[in-house]
N, C-alpha and C. Protein backbone atom coordinates (compact mmCIF):
# COMPACT_ATOMS: atom_id res chain seq x y z
N UNK A 1 35.04 31.23 -13.84
CA UNK A 1 35.34 31.26 -15.27
C UNK A 1 34.83 29.99 -15.93
N UNK A 2 34.19 30.13 -17.07
CA UNK A 2 33.67 29.00 -17.83
C UNK A 2 34.73 28.54 -18.83
N UNK A 3 35.03 27.25 -18.82
CA UNK A 3 36.01 26.68 -19.74
C UNK A 3 35.30 25.93 -20.85
N UNK A 4 35.66 26.27 -22.07
CA UNK A 4 34.94 25.77 -23.25
C UNK A 4 35.92 25.17 -24.25
N UNK A 5 35.52 24.04 -24.84
CA UNK A 5 36.25 23.45 -25.95
C UNK A 5 35.38 23.52 -27.19
N UNK A 6 35.95 24.03 -28.29
CA UNK A 6 35.26 24.10 -29.58
C UNK A 6 36.07 23.29 -30.58
N UNK A 7 35.44 22.34 -31.24
CA UNK A 7 36.14 21.61 -32.29
C UNK A 7 35.99 22.36 -33.62
N UNK A 8 36.97 22.18 -34.48
CA UNK A 8 36.94 22.88 -35.77
C UNK A 8 36.91 24.38 -35.59
N UNK A 9 37.75 24.87 -34.67
CA UNK A 9 37.65 26.28 -34.25
C UNK A 9 38.58 27.23 -34.99
N UNK A 10 39.31 26.76 -35.98
CA UNK A 10 40.33 27.60 -36.59
C UNK A 10 39.83 28.46 -37.75
N UNK A 11 38.55 28.29 -38.14
CA UNK A 11 38.04 29.12 -39.24
C UNK A 11 36.52 29.18 -39.21
N UNK A 12 35.99 30.09 -39.99
CA UNK A 12 34.55 30.20 -40.25
C UNK A 12 33.73 30.21 -38.97
N UNK A 13 32.71 29.34 -38.90
CA UNK A 13 31.79 29.35 -37.77
C UNK A 13 32.50 29.04 -36.45
N UNK A 14 33.45 28.12 -36.48
CA UNK A 14 34.17 27.78 -35.25
C UNK A 14 34.98 28.94 -34.72
N UNK A 15 35.64 29.66 -35.61
CA UNK A 15 36.45 30.81 -35.21
C UNK A 15 35.57 31.91 -34.64
N UNK A 16 34.44 32.18 -35.28
CA UNK A 16 33.53 33.21 -34.78
C UNK A 16 32.91 32.81 -33.45
N UNK A 17 32.60 31.53 -33.29
CA UNK A 17 32.10 31.06 -32.00
C UNK A 17 33.13 31.28 -30.91
N UNK A 18 34.38 30.99 -31.22
CA UNK A 18 35.46 31.22 -30.25
C UNK A 18 35.54 32.70 -29.89
N UNK A 19 35.49 33.56 -30.88
CA UNK A 19 35.58 35.00 -30.62
C UNK A 19 34.47 35.47 -29.69
N UNK A 20 33.26 35.02 -29.98
CA UNK A 20 32.11 35.49 -29.21
C UNK A 20 32.08 34.93 -27.80
N UNK A 21 32.53 33.68 -27.64
CA UNK A 21 32.53 33.12 -26.30
C UNK A 21 33.66 33.70 -25.45
N UNK A 22 34.78 34.02 -26.07
CA UNK A 22 35.84 34.74 -25.34
C UNK A 22 35.30 36.09 -24.89
N UNK A 23 34.60 36.75 -25.78
CA UNK A 23 34.00 38.05 -25.46
C UNK A 23 33.00 37.92 -24.30
N UNK A 24 32.35 36.75 -24.21
CA UNK A 24 31.39 36.50 -23.14
C UNK A 24 32.06 36.07 -21.83
N UNK A 25 33.40 35.96 -21.85
CA UNK A 25 34.13 35.65 -20.63
C UNK A 25 34.59 34.22 -20.50
N UNK A 26 34.42 33.40 -21.54
CA UNK A 26 34.87 32.02 -21.47
C UNK A 26 36.37 31.91 -21.71
N UNK A 27 36.98 30.93 -21.08
CA UNK A 27 38.31 30.47 -21.48
C UNK A 27 38.10 29.43 -22.56
N UNK A 28 38.59 29.70 -23.76
CA UNK A 28 38.29 28.84 -24.91
C UNK A 28 39.52 28.06 -25.36
N UNK A 29 39.35 26.75 -25.42
CA UNK A 29 40.32 25.86 -26.05
C UNK A 29 39.81 25.59 -27.46
N UNK A 30 40.63 25.89 -28.44
CA UNK A 30 40.24 25.84 -29.84
C UNK A 30 40.83 24.60 -30.51
N UNK A 31 39.99 23.61 -30.73
CA UNK A 31 40.45 22.38 -31.35
C UNK A 31 40.60 22.53 -32.85
N UNK A 32 41.67 21.95 -33.39
CA UNK A 32 41.92 21.99 -34.83
C UNK A 32 42.84 20.85 -35.21
N UNK A 33 42.73 20.39 -36.45
CA UNK A 33 43.58 19.27 -36.89
C UNK A 33 45.04 19.66 -36.98
N UNK A 34 45.32 20.88 -37.45
CA UNK A 34 46.68 21.31 -37.70
C UNK A 34 46.96 22.59 -36.91
N UNK A 35 47.84 22.50 -35.94
CA UNK A 35 48.15 23.66 -35.11
C UNK A 35 48.77 24.80 -35.90
N UNK A 36 49.31 24.51 -37.07
CA UNK A 36 49.88 25.57 -37.91
C UNK A 36 48.80 26.53 -38.41
N UNK A 37 47.54 26.11 -38.33
CA UNK A 37 46.44 26.97 -38.76
C UNK A 37 45.81 27.72 -37.59
N UNK A 38 46.51 27.77 -36.46
CA UNK A 38 45.93 28.32 -35.25
C UNK A 38 46.22 29.78 -34.96
N UNK A 39 46.85 30.49 -35.89
CA UNK A 39 47.22 31.89 -35.61
C UNK A 39 46.01 32.75 -35.30
N UNK A 40 44.92 32.55 -36.04
CA UNK A 40 43.74 33.40 -35.86
C UNK A 40 43.11 33.20 -34.50
N UNK A 41 43.02 31.96 -34.05
CA UNK A 41 42.42 31.73 -32.73
C UNK A 41 43.34 32.20 -31.62
N UNK A 42 44.64 32.02 -31.81
CA UNK A 42 45.58 32.51 -30.79
C UNK A 42 45.51 34.02 -30.66
N UNK A 43 45.31 34.70 -31.80
CA UNK A 43 45.21 36.16 -31.77
C UNK A 43 43.98 36.63 -31.00
N UNK A 44 42.95 35.79 -30.95
CA UNK A 44 41.74 36.11 -30.19
C UNK A 44 41.93 35.92 -28.69
N UNK A 45 42.95 35.12 -28.34
CA UNK A 45 43.15 34.79 -26.93
C UNK A 45 42.71 33.38 -26.59
N UNK A 46 42.33 32.59 -27.60
CA UNK A 46 42.00 31.19 -27.38
C UNK A 46 43.28 30.37 -27.28
N UNK A 47 43.15 29.17 -26.77
CA UNK A 47 44.29 28.26 -26.60
C UNK A 47 44.17 27.16 -27.66
N UNK A 48 45.05 27.15 -28.67
CA UNK A 48 44.96 26.12 -29.71
C UNK A 48 45.28 24.73 -29.15
N UNK A 49 44.50 23.75 -29.60
CA UNK A 49 44.68 22.36 -29.18
C UNK A 49 44.60 21.48 -30.42
N UNK A 50 45.59 20.61 -30.60
CA UNK A 50 45.53 19.69 -31.73
C UNK A 50 44.42 18.67 -31.47
N UNK A 51 43.45 18.61 -32.38
CA UNK A 51 42.31 17.71 -32.18
C UNK A 51 41.72 17.37 -33.53
N UNK A 52 41.85 16.13 -33.90
CA UNK A 52 41.24 15.60 -35.13
C UNK A 52 40.11 14.69 -34.70
N UNK A 53 38.86 15.07 -34.95
CA UNK A 53 37.72 14.31 -34.44
C UNK A 53 37.63 12.92 -35.06
N UNK A 54 38.34 12.69 -36.16
CA UNK A 54 38.33 11.38 -36.81
C UNK A 54 39.44 10.47 -36.31
N UNK A 55 40.20 10.91 -35.30
CA UNK A 55 41.35 10.16 -34.79
C UNK A 55 41.21 10.04 -33.27
N UNK A 56 40.90 8.83 -32.80
CA UNK A 56 40.64 8.64 -31.37
C UNK A 56 41.82 9.03 -30.50
N UNK A 57 43.03 8.72 -30.94
CA UNK A 57 44.21 9.06 -30.13
C UNK A 57 44.37 10.57 -30.02
N UNK A 58 44.07 11.29 -31.08
CA UNK A 58 44.12 12.74 -31.05
C UNK A 58 43.07 13.30 -30.10
N UNK A 59 41.87 12.75 -30.16
CA UNK A 59 40.79 13.19 -29.27
C UNK A 59 41.17 12.95 -27.81
N UNK A 60 41.67 11.76 -27.53
CA UNK A 60 42.04 11.43 -26.15
C UNK A 60 43.14 12.34 -25.62
N UNK A 61 44.14 12.61 -26.45
CA UNK A 61 45.23 13.49 -26.02
C UNK A 61 44.74 14.91 -25.78
N UNK A 62 43.86 15.38 -26.65
CA UNK A 62 43.33 16.74 -26.50
C UNK A 62 42.55 16.89 -25.20
N UNK A 63 41.68 15.95 -24.91
CA UNK A 63 40.89 16.04 -23.69
C UNK A 63 41.74 15.85 -22.44
N UNK A 64 42.77 15.02 -22.55
CA UNK A 64 43.66 14.82 -21.41
C UNK A 64 44.45 16.08 -21.08
N UNK A 65 44.59 16.98 -22.06
CA UNK A 65 45.37 18.20 -21.84
C UNK A 65 44.58 19.30 -21.16
N UNK A 66 43.26 19.14 -21.04
CA UNK A 66 42.41 20.19 -20.47
C UNK A 66 42.35 20.06 -18.96
N UNK A 67 42.47 21.16 -18.24
CA UNK A 67 42.39 21.10 -16.78
C UNK A 67 40.97 20.92 -16.27
N UNK A 68 40.00 21.40 -17.03
CA UNK A 68 38.59 21.33 -16.66
C UNK A 68 37.78 21.62 -17.91
N UNK A 69 36.47 21.40 -17.81
CA UNK A 69 35.62 21.66 -18.97
C UNK A 69 34.18 21.87 -18.50
N UNK A 70 33.59 22.95 -18.97
CA UNK A 70 32.19 23.25 -18.67
C UNK A 70 31.29 23.18 -19.90
N UNK A 71 31.84 23.59 -21.04
CA UNK A 71 31.04 23.66 -22.27
C UNK A 71 31.81 22.99 -23.40
N UNK A 72 31.13 22.10 -24.11
CA UNK A 72 31.69 21.46 -25.30
C UNK A 72 30.85 21.87 -26.50
N UNK A 73 31.50 22.44 -27.51
CA UNK A 73 30.84 22.79 -28.76
C UNK A 73 31.40 21.89 -29.86
N UNK A 74 30.60 20.93 -30.29
CA UNK A 74 31.00 20.03 -31.36
C UNK A 74 30.67 20.69 -32.70
N UNK A 75 31.64 21.42 -33.21
CA UNK A 75 31.45 22.21 -34.43
C UNK A 75 32.09 21.60 -35.67
N UNK A 76 33.12 20.78 -35.50
CA UNK A 76 33.87 20.27 -36.65
C UNK A 76 32.98 19.43 -37.56
N UNK A 77 33.18 19.57 -38.84
CA UNK A 77 32.42 18.77 -39.80
C UNK A 77 32.98 18.96 -41.20
N UNK A 78 32.61 18.03 -42.08
CA UNK A 78 33.05 18.10 -43.47
C UNK A 78 31.83 18.01 -44.39
N UNK A 79 31.97 18.57 -45.57
CA UNK A 79 30.90 18.50 -46.57
C UNK A 79 30.94 17.18 -47.33
N UNK A 80 32.13 16.66 -47.50
CA UNK A 80 32.30 15.40 -48.22
C UNK A 80 32.55 15.61 -49.70
N UNK A 81 32.62 14.51 -50.42
CA UNK A 81 32.98 14.54 -51.84
C UNK A 81 31.84 14.11 -52.75
N UNK A 82 30.70 13.76 -52.17
CA UNK A 82 29.56 13.31 -52.97
C UNK A 82 28.45 14.35 -52.91
N UNK A 83 27.94 14.73 -54.08
CA UNK A 83 26.92 15.77 -54.13
C UNK A 83 25.65 15.35 -54.87
N UNK A 84 25.67 14.16 -55.50
CA UNK A 84 24.48 13.61 -56.16
C UNK A 84 24.48 12.10 -55.96
N UNK A 85 23.37 11.46 -56.30
CA UNK A 85 23.32 10.01 -56.22
C UNK A 85 24.29 9.36 -57.20
N UNK A 86 24.61 10.04 -58.29
CA UNK A 86 25.49 9.46 -59.29
C UNK A 86 26.94 9.36 -58.85
N UNK A 87 27.37 10.26 -57.94
CA UNK A 87 28.77 10.19 -57.49
C UNK A 87 28.88 9.61 -56.09
N UNK A 88 27.82 9.03 -55.57
CA UNK A 88 27.81 8.49 -54.21
C UNK A 88 28.27 7.04 -54.19
N UNK A 89 29.15 6.73 -53.25
CA UNK A 89 29.48 5.34 -52.96
C UNK A 89 29.62 5.19 -51.45
N UNK A 90 29.83 3.96 -51.01
CA UNK A 90 29.85 3.68 -49.57
C UNK A 90 30.99 4.41 -48.87
N UNK A 91 32.14 4.50 -49.53
CA UNK A 91 33.28 5.16 -48.91
C UNK A 91 33.01 6.65 -48.69
N UNK A 92 32.37 7.30 -49.65
CA UNK A 92 32.03 8.71 -49.51
C UNK A 92 31.06 8.92 -48.35
N UNK A 93 30.10 8.03 -48.23
CA UNK A 93 29.14 8.10 -47.14
C UNK A 93 29.83 7.88 -45.79
N UNK A 94 30.66 6.85 -45.73
CA UNK A 94 31.32 6.50 -44.47
C UNK A 94 32.24 7.61 -43.98
N UNK A 95 32.92 8.27 -44.92
CA UNK A 95 33.84 9.34 -44.54
C UNK A 95 33.12 10.50 -43.86
N UNK A 96 31.97 10.90 -44.42
CA UNK A 96 31.21 12.01 -43.83
C UNK A 96 30.62 11.60 -42.49
N UNK A 97 30.06 10.41 -42.40
CA UNK A 97 29.50 9.97 -41.14
C UNK A 97 30.57 9.84 -40.06
N UNK A 98 31.75 9.39 -40.44
CA UNK A 98 32.82 9.20 -39.46
C UNK A 98 33.24 10.53 -38.83
N UNK A 99 33.31 11.57 -39.63
CA UNK A 99 33.69 12.88 -39.09
C UNK A 99 32.51 13.58 -38.42
N UNK A 100 31.39 13.65 -39.10
CA UNK A 100 30.28 14.49 -38.64
C UNK A 100 29.46 13.88 -37.53
N UNK A 101 29.42 12.56 -37.46
CA UNK A 101 28.58 11.89 -36.45
C UNK A 101 29.45 11.13 -35.44
N UNK A 102 30.23 10.19 -35.93
CA UNK A 102 31.08 9.42 -35.02
C UNK A 102 32.10 10.33 -34.34
N UNK A 103 32.54 11.37 -35.05
CA UNK A 103 33.46 12.33 -34.45
C UNK A 103 32.88 13.01 -33.23
N UNK A 104 31.59 13.33 -33.29
CA UNK A 104 30.93 13.93 -32.12
C UNK A 104 30.92 12.94 -30.97
N UNK A 105 30.65 11.68 -31.27
CA UNK A 105 30.63 10.67 -30.21
C UNK A 105 32.03 10.50 -29.60
N UNK A 106 33.06 10.46 -30.45
CA UNK A 106 34.42 10.34 -29.92
C UNK A 106 34.73 11.46 -28.93
N UNK A 107 34.47 12.68 -29.35
CA UNK A 107 34.81 13.83 -28.52
C UNK A 107 33.93 13.88 -27.27
N UNK A 108 32.65 13.67 -27.43
CA UNK A 108 31.73 13.76 -26.29
C UNK A 108 32.04 12.70 -25.25
N UNK A 109 32.27 11.48 -25.69
CA UNK A 109 32.58 10.42 -24.72
C UNK A 109 33.89 10.70 -23.97
N UNK A 110 34.87 11.22 -24.69
CA UNK A 110 36.14 11.55 -24.04
C UNK A 110 35.98 12.73 -23.09
N UNK A 111 35.02 13.62 -23.39
CA UNK A 111 34.82 14.82 -22.57
C UNK A 111 33.95 14.59 -21.35
N UNK A 112 33.18 13.52 -21.33
CA UNK A 112 32.21 13.32 -20.25
C UNK A 112 32.83 13.32 -18.85
N UNK A 113 33.98 12.69 -18.61
CA UNK A 113 34.53 12.74 -17.25
C UNK A 113 34.79 14.17 -16.77
N UNK A 114 35.31 15.04 -17.65
CA UNK A 114 35.54 16.43 -17.27
C UNK A 114 34.22 17.17 -17.11
N UNK A 115 33.30 16.98 -18.03
CA UNK A 115 32.03 17.68 -17.96
C UNK A 115 31.25 17.30 -16.70
N UNK A 116 31.36 16.05 -16.29
CA UNK A 116 30.63 15.61 -15.09
C UNK A 116 31.16 16.28 -13.82
N UNK A 117 32.36 16.83 -13.87
CA UNK A 117 32.90 17.56 -12.71
C UNK A 117 32.43 19.01 -12.69
N UNK A 118 31.83 19.47 -13.78
CA UNK A 118 31.38 20.84 -13.87
C UNK A 118 30.07 21.02 -13.11
N UNK A 119 29.88 22.18 -12.52
CA UNK A 119 28.63 22.49 -11.84
C UNK A 119 27.50 22.71 -12.84
N UNK A 120 27.86 23.03 -14.07
CA UNK A 120 26.83 23.35 -15.07
C UNK A 120 27.32 22.92 -16.46
N UNK A 121 27.30 21.61 -16.74
CA UNK A 121 27.81 21.11 -18.01
C UNK A 121 26.87 21.37 -19.17
N UNK A 122 27.46 21.81 -20.29
CA UNK A 122 26.69 22.16 -21.49
C UNK A 122 27.36 21.53 -22.71
N UNK A 123 26.55 20.96 -23.59
CA UNK A 123 27.03 20.45 -24.88
C UNK A 123 26.18 21.07 -25.98
N UNK A 124 26.84 21.60 -27.00
CA UNK A 124 26.14 22.10 -28.19
C UNK A 124 26.71 21.37 -29.40
N UNK A 125 25.84 20.71 -30.13
CA UNK A 125 26.24 20.06 -31.38
C UNK A 125 25.76 20.91 -32.55
N UNK A 126 26.67 21.21 -33.46
CA UNK A 126 26.31 22.05 -34.61
C UNK A 126 25.85 21.13 -35.74
N UNK A 127 24.58 21.25 -36.09
CA UNK A 127 24.02 20.45 -37.18
C UNK A 127 23.74 21.37 -38.36
N UNK A 128 22.57 21.24 -38.96
CA UNK A 128 22.19 22.06 -40.10
C UNK A 128 20.72 21.82 -40.42
N UNK A 129 20.07 22.82 -40.95
CA UNK A 129 18.72 22.62 -41.45
C UNK A 129 18.67 21.62 -42.59
N UNK A 130 19.83 21.35 -43.20
CA UNK A 130 19.90 20.35 -44.27
C UNK A 130 19.63 18.95 -43.71
N UNK A 131 19.72 18.79 -42.41
CA UNK A 131 19.38 17.51 -41.79
C UNK A 131 17.95 17.43 -41.31
N UNK A 132 17.14 18.42 -41.63
CA UNK A 132 15.76 18.48 -41.16
C UNK A 132 14.81 18.19 -42.32
N UNK A 133 14.10 17.05 -42.32
CA UNK A 133 13.28 16.66 -43.48
C UNK A 133 12.26 17.72 -43.89
N UNK A 134 11.68 18.42 -42.93
CA UNK A 134 10.68 19.43 -43.29
C UNK A 134 11.27 20.53 -44.15
N UNK A 135 12.51 20.93 -43.84
CA UNK A 135 13.16 21.96 -44.64
C UNK A 135 13.58 21.41 -46.01
N UNK A 136 14.06 20.17 -46.02
CA UNK A 136 14.51 19.56 -47.28
C UNK A 136 13.37 19.38 -48.27
N UNK A 137 12.15 19.24 -47.76
CA UNK A 137 11.01 18.95 -48.63
C UNK A 137 10.08 20.14 -48.85
N UNK A 138 10.46 21.30 -48.34
CA UNK A 138 9.61 22.49 -48.48
C UNK A 138 10.22 23.45 -49.49
N UNK A 139 9.56 23.61 -50.63
CA UNK A 139 10.07 24.53 -51.64
C UNK A 139 10.14 25.94 -51.10
N UNK A 140 11.22 26.62 -51.47
CA UNK A 140 11.42 27.99 -51.01
C UNK A 140 12.38 28.10 -49.84
N UNK A 141 12.68 26.98 -49.17
CA UNK A 141 13.68 27.02 -48.10
C UNK A 141 15.07 26.98 -48.70
N UNK A 142 16.06 27.40 -47.93
CA UNK A 142 17.45 27.31 -48.39
C UNK A 142 17.88 25.86 -48.59
N UNK A 143 17.25 24.96 -47.85
CA UNK A 143 17.68 23.56 -47.85
C UNK A 143 17.10 22.76 -49.02
N UNK A 144 15.96 23.16 -49.53
CA UNK A 144 15.25 22.37 -50.54
C UNK A 144 16.10 22.01 -51.76
N UNK A 145 16.92 22.92 -52.29
CA UNK A 145 17.68 22.59 -53.51
C UNK A 145 18.89 21.68 -53.27
N UNK A 146 19.23 21.39 -52.03
CA UNK A 146 20.46 20.64 -51.74
C UNK A 146 20.27 19.17 -52.10
N UNK A 147 21.11 18.62 -53.03
CA UNK A 147 20.95 17.22 -53.43
C UNK A 147 21.84 16.25 -52.65
N UNK A 148 22.86 16.74 -51.95
CA UNK A 148 23.87 15.88 -51.33
C UNK A 148 23.23 14.95 -50.30
N UNK A 149 23.55 13.67 -50.39
CA UNK A 149 22.99 12.67 -49.48
C UNK A 149 23.81 12.52 -48.20
N UNK A 150 25.14 12.34 -48.26
CA UNK A 150 25.89 12.11 -47.02
C UNK A 150 25.80 13.25 -46.01
N UNK A 151 25.96 14.49 -46.47
CA UNK A 151 25.94 15.62 -45.54
C UNK A 151 24.58 15.74 -44.87
N UNK A 152 23.51 15.63 -45.64
CA UNK A 152 22.16 15.72 -45.07
C UNK A 152 21.91 14.60 -44.07
N UNK A 153 22.29 13.39 -44.44
CA UNK A 153 22.08 12.26 -43.53
C UNK A 153 22.89 12.42 -42.25
N UNK A 154 24.10 12.94 -42.38
CA UNK A 154 24.94 13.10 -41.18
C UNK A 154 24.34 14.12 -40.23
N UNK A 155 23.80 15.20 -40.77
CA UNK A 155 23.24 16.23 -39.90
C UNK A 155 21.92 15.79 -39.29
N UNK A 156 21.15 14.97 -40.00
CA UNK A 156 19.96 14.38 -39.40
C UNK A 156 20.35 13.49 -38.22
N UNK A 157 21.43 12.75 -38.38
CA UNK A 157 21.91 11.89 -37.29
C UNK A 157 22.38 12.73 -36.10
N UNK A 158 23.00 13.87 -36.36
CA UNK A 158 23.45 14.73 -35.26
C UNK A 158 22.26 15.23 -34.45
N UNK A 159 21.17 15.57 -35.11
CA UNK A 159 19.98 16.02 -34.39
C UNK A 159 19.45 14.90 -33.50
N UNK A 160 19.38 13.68 -34.04
CA UNK A 160 18.86 12.55 -33.27
C UNK A 160 19.79 12.20 -32.11
N UNK A 161 21.09 12.19 -32.35
CA UNK A 161 21.99 11.81 -31.25
C UNK A 161 21.98 12.86 -30.14
N UNK A 162 21.72 14.12 -30.50
CA UNK A 162 21.63 15.16 -29.49
C UNK A 162 20.44 14.91 -28.57
N UNK A 163 19.30 14.57 -29.15
CA UNK A 163 18.12 14.26 -28.34
C UNK A 163 18.40 13.09 -27.40
N UNK A 164 19.08 12.08 -27.91
CA UNK A 164 19.36 10.89 -27.10
C UNK A 164 20.38 11.19 -26.00
N UNK A 165 21.39 11.99 -26.30
CA UNK A 165 22.33 12.39 -25.26
C UNK A 165 21.61 13.18 -24.17
N UNK A 166 20.71 14.07 -24.57
CA UNK A 166 19.98 14.87 -23.58
C UNK A 166 19.18 13.98 -22.65
N UNK A 167 18.56 12.94 -23.18
CA UNK A 167 17.78 12.01 -22.36
C UNK A 167 18.69 11.22 -21.41
N UNK A 168 19.89 10.91 -21.87
CA UNK A 168 20.83 10.13 -21.06
C UNK A 168 21.58 10.96 -20.03
N UNK A 169 21.63 12.27 -20.23
CA UNK A 169 22.41 13.16 -19.36
C UNK A 169 21.49 14.24 -18.79
N UNK A 170 20.59 13.88 -17.89
CA UNK A 170 19.59 14.83 -17.41
C UNK A 170 20.18 16.02 -16.65
N UNK A 171 21.37 15.90 -16.11
CA UNK A 171 21.98 17.02 -15.41
C UNK A 171 22.70 18.00 -16.32
N UNK A 172 22.75 17.68 -17.62
CA UNK A 172 23.42 18.52 -18.61
C UNK A 172 22.38 19.35 -19.37
N UNK A 173 22.87 20.39 -20.06
CA UNK A 173 22.08 21.05 -21.10
C UNK A 173 22.71 20.62 -22.42
N UNK A 174 22.00 19.81 -23.20
CA UNK A 174 22.51 19.25 -24.45
C UNK A 174 21.57 19.66 -25.57
N UNK A 175 22.04 20.47 -26.50
CA UNK A 175 21.19 20.99 -27.56
C UNK A 175 21.94 20.99 -28.89
N UNK A 176 21.19 21.25 -29.96
CA UNK A 176 21.76 21.21 -31.30
C UNK A 176 21.37 22.48 -32.04
N UNK A 177 22.32 23.04 -32.78
CA UNK A 177 22.09 24.31 -33.46
C UNK A 177 22.12 24.16 -34.98
N UNK A 178 21.35 25.02 -35.62
CA UNK A 178 21.35 25.15 -37.08
C UNK A 178 21.90 26.53 -37.41
N UNK A 179 23.11 26.63 -37.97
CA UNK A 179 23.66 27.95 -38.30
C UNK A 179 22.87 28.69 -39.37
N UNK A 180 22.16 27.95 -40.23
CA UNK A 180 21.51 28.59 -41.37
C UNK A 180 22.48 28.75 -42.52
N UNK A 181 22.00 29.33 -43.60
CA UNK A 181 22.81 29.45 -44.83
C UNK A 181 23.77 30.62 -44.67
N UNK A 182 24.95 30.29 -44.18
CA UNK A 182 25.95 31.28 -43.79
C UNK A 182 27.12 31.27 -44.76
N UNK A 183 27.64 32.44 -45.06
CA UNK A 183 28.78 32.55 -45.98
C UNK A 183 30.04 31.99 -45.31
N UNK A 184 30.46 30.80 -45.74
CA UNK A 184 31.66 30.16 -45.22
C UNK A 184 32.41 29.48 -46.36
N UNK A 185 33.55 28.88 -46.02
CA UNK A 185 34.31 28.13 -47.02
C UNK A 185 33.49 26.97 -47.59
N UNK A 186 32.55 26.42 -46.79
CA UNK A 186 31.74 25.29 -47.23
C UNK A 186 30.99 25.61 -48.53
N UNK A 187 30.47 26.83 -48.62
CA UNK A 187 29.65 27.17 -49.78
C UNK A 187 30.29 28.26 -50.64
N UNK A 188 31.62 28.34 -50.55
CA UNK A 188 32.37 29.36 -51.29
C UNK A 188 31.84 30.76 -51.00
N UNK A 189 31.45 30.92 -49.73
CA UNK A 189 30.95 32.22 -49.22
C UNK A 189 29.73 32.71 -49.98
N UNK A 190 28.88 31.73 -50.37
CA UNK A 190 27.65 32.08 -51.09
C UNK A 190 26.44 32.26 -50.19
N UNK A 191 26.56 31.94 -48.90
CA UNK A 191 25.43 32.08 -47.99
C UNK A 191 25.02 33.52 -47.78
N UNK A 192 23.77 33.73 -47.38
CA UNK A 192 23.27 35.10 -47.22
C UNK A 192 23.41 35.62 -45.79
N UNK A 193 23.89 34.79 -44.86
CA UNK A 193 24.11 35.25 -43.50
C UNK A 193 25.60 35.48 -43.25
N UNK A 194 25.90 36.37 -42.32
CA UNK A 194 27.27 36.55 -41.85
C UNK A 194 27.61 35.44 -40.86
N UNK A 195 28.91 35.27 -40.59
CA UNK A 195 29.28 34.25 -39.60
C UNK A 195 28.77 34.61 -38.21
N UNK A 196 28.61 35.89 -37.95
CA UNK A 196 28.04 36.27 -36.65
C UNK A 196 26.59 35.82 -36.56
N UNK A 197 25.81 36.06 -37.61
CA UNK A 197 24.43 35.56 -37.63
C UNK A 197 24.41 34.04 -37.57
N UNK A 198 25.35 33.41 -38.24
CA UNK A 198 25.40 31.95 -38.27
C UNK A 198 25.78 31.31 -36.95
N UNK A 199 26.36 32.07 -36.05
CA UNK A 199 26.72 31.53 -34.73
C UNK A 199 25.77 31.96 -33.63
N UNK A 200 24.73 32.70 -33.98
CA UNK A 200 23.80 33.18 -32.95
C UNK A 200 23.23 32.04 -32.12
N UNK A 201 22.73 30.99 -32.78
CA UNK A 201 22.11 29.89 -32.04
C UNK A 201 23.13 29.13 -31.21
N UNK A 202 24.29 28.87 -31.79
CA UNK A 202 25.33 28.13 -31.07
C UNK A 202 25.78 28.88 -29.83
N UNK A 203 26.02 30.16 -29.96
CA UNK A 203 26.47 30.96 -28.81
C UNK A 203 25.38 31.03 -27.75
N UNK A 204 24.15 31.22 -28.18
CA UNK A 204 23.06 31.27 -27.20
C UNK A 204 22.96 29.95 -26.43
N UNK A 205 23.05 28.83 -27.12
CA UNK A 205 22.96 27.53 -26.45
C UNK A 205 24.18 27.24 -25.59
N UNK A 206 25.34 27.77 -25.98
CA UNK A 206 26.56 27.55 -25.20
C UNK A 206 26.59 28.37 -23.92
N UNK A 207 25.72 29.36 -23.82
CA UNK A 207 25.70 30.24 -22.65
C UNK A 207 24.41 30.12 -21.86
N UNK A 208 23.72 28.99 -22.02
CA UNK A 208 22.48 28.76 -21.28
C UNK A 208 22.72 28.71 -19.78
N UNK A 209 21.73 29.13 -19.03
CA UNK A 209 21.74 28.92 -17.60
C UNK A 209 21.33 27.50 -17.26
N UNK A 210 21.44 27.15 -15.99
CA UNK A 210 21.12 25.79 -15.55
C UNK A 210 19.65 25.45 -15.76
N UNK A 211 18.80 26.46 -15.89
CA UNK A 211 17.38 26.23 -16.11
C UNK A 211 17.00 26.29 -17.59
N UNK A 212 17.99 26.31 -18.47
CA UNK A 212 17.74 26.40 -19.90
C UNK A 212 17.22 25.09 -20.46
N UNK A 213 16.80 25.11 -21.72
CA UNK A 213 16.24 23.90 -22.35
C UNK A 213 17.31 22.86 -22.62
N UNK A 214 16.88 21.65 -22.84
CA UNK A 214 17.79 20.58 -23.24
C UNK A 214 17.07 19.67 -24.23
N UNK A 215 17.84 19.07 -25.14
CA UNK A 215 17.26 18.20 -26.16
C UNK A 215 16.52 18.94 -27.24
N UNK A 216 16.88 20.21 -27.47
CA UNK A 216 16.17 21.02 -28.45
C UNK A 216 17.06 21.38 -29.64
N UNK A 217 16.39 21.72 -30.74
CA UNK A 217 17.04 22.12 -32.00
C UNK A 217 16.71 23.60 -32.21
N UNK A 218 17.73 24.43 -32.31
CA UNK A 218 17.53 25.87 -32.42
C UNK A 218 18.25 26.45 -33.62
N UNK A 219 17.64 27.46 -34.26
CA UNK A 219 18.36 28.33 -35.16
C UNK A 219 18.37 29.73 -34.56
N UNK A 220 18.81 30.71 -35.30
CA UNK A 220 18.97 32.03 -34.69
C UNK A 220 17.64 32.67 -34.31
N UNK A 221 16.54 32.15 -34.85
CA UNK A 221 15.22 32.68 -34.50
C UNK A 221 14.63 32.01 -33.26
N UNK A 222 15.26 30.92 -32.82
CA UNK A 222 14.75 30.21 -31.65
C UNK A 222 14.58 28.74 -31.91
N UNK A 223 13.71 28.11 -31.12
CA UNK A 223 13.52 26.67 -31.22
C UNK A 223 12.85 26.29 -32.55
N UNK A 224 13.37 25.21 -33.14
CA UNK A 224 12.76 24.59 -34.32
C UNK A 224 11.90 23.44 -33.82
N UNK A 225 10.62 23.51 -34.03
CA UNK A 225 9.72 22.49 -33.51
C UNK A 225 9.90 21.18 -34.24
N UNK A 226 9.91 20.09 -33.47
CA UNK A 226 9.98 18.76 -34.06
C UNK A 226 8.63 18.41 -34.67
């Protein structure tokens, strides 16, 4: 049995990822800041775990509660409060980076001892095409109209840290996914993809075999070339 931890698993993309991985036979621990919001994941058969990626003590306690771990899906993230250069300040930037980037490092570092005991350790970091400069600068893409600086910068950092983790952990499969423009609470359900379509890349990367790729960026169509 494959044991998987998903952060931010109580709604939207995280909840759908939990559903699909349970369907694939995984035992899923569903991380969330507030266990009171865990009814939906519990109904799927996942095990709710209190986990706030911005709180080191919460991260440490959550990982200490797991008996084993094979797959880590770093899904938790925030959009932030700044959407243009005019409303941006250092605190708004720091808040998004702390959750979206440093939060991944907190969870991953705490998870490494368990993952290293796995015969086939896998890490999937959920980023976004909004962190990909080619998409941000190409008219006609979903990403081109996005003006927000902190969210884009944080997702660019997630892509880079994934590549570096993959280089540092050669026995792991470490990859990063782009859900695409998916209808979620983030965009007031304005995206043109369903949550199932939005989790295609994440689920595929979470279920890789030992001979699968590592250090790659994928969306639901496959690898995104650097």
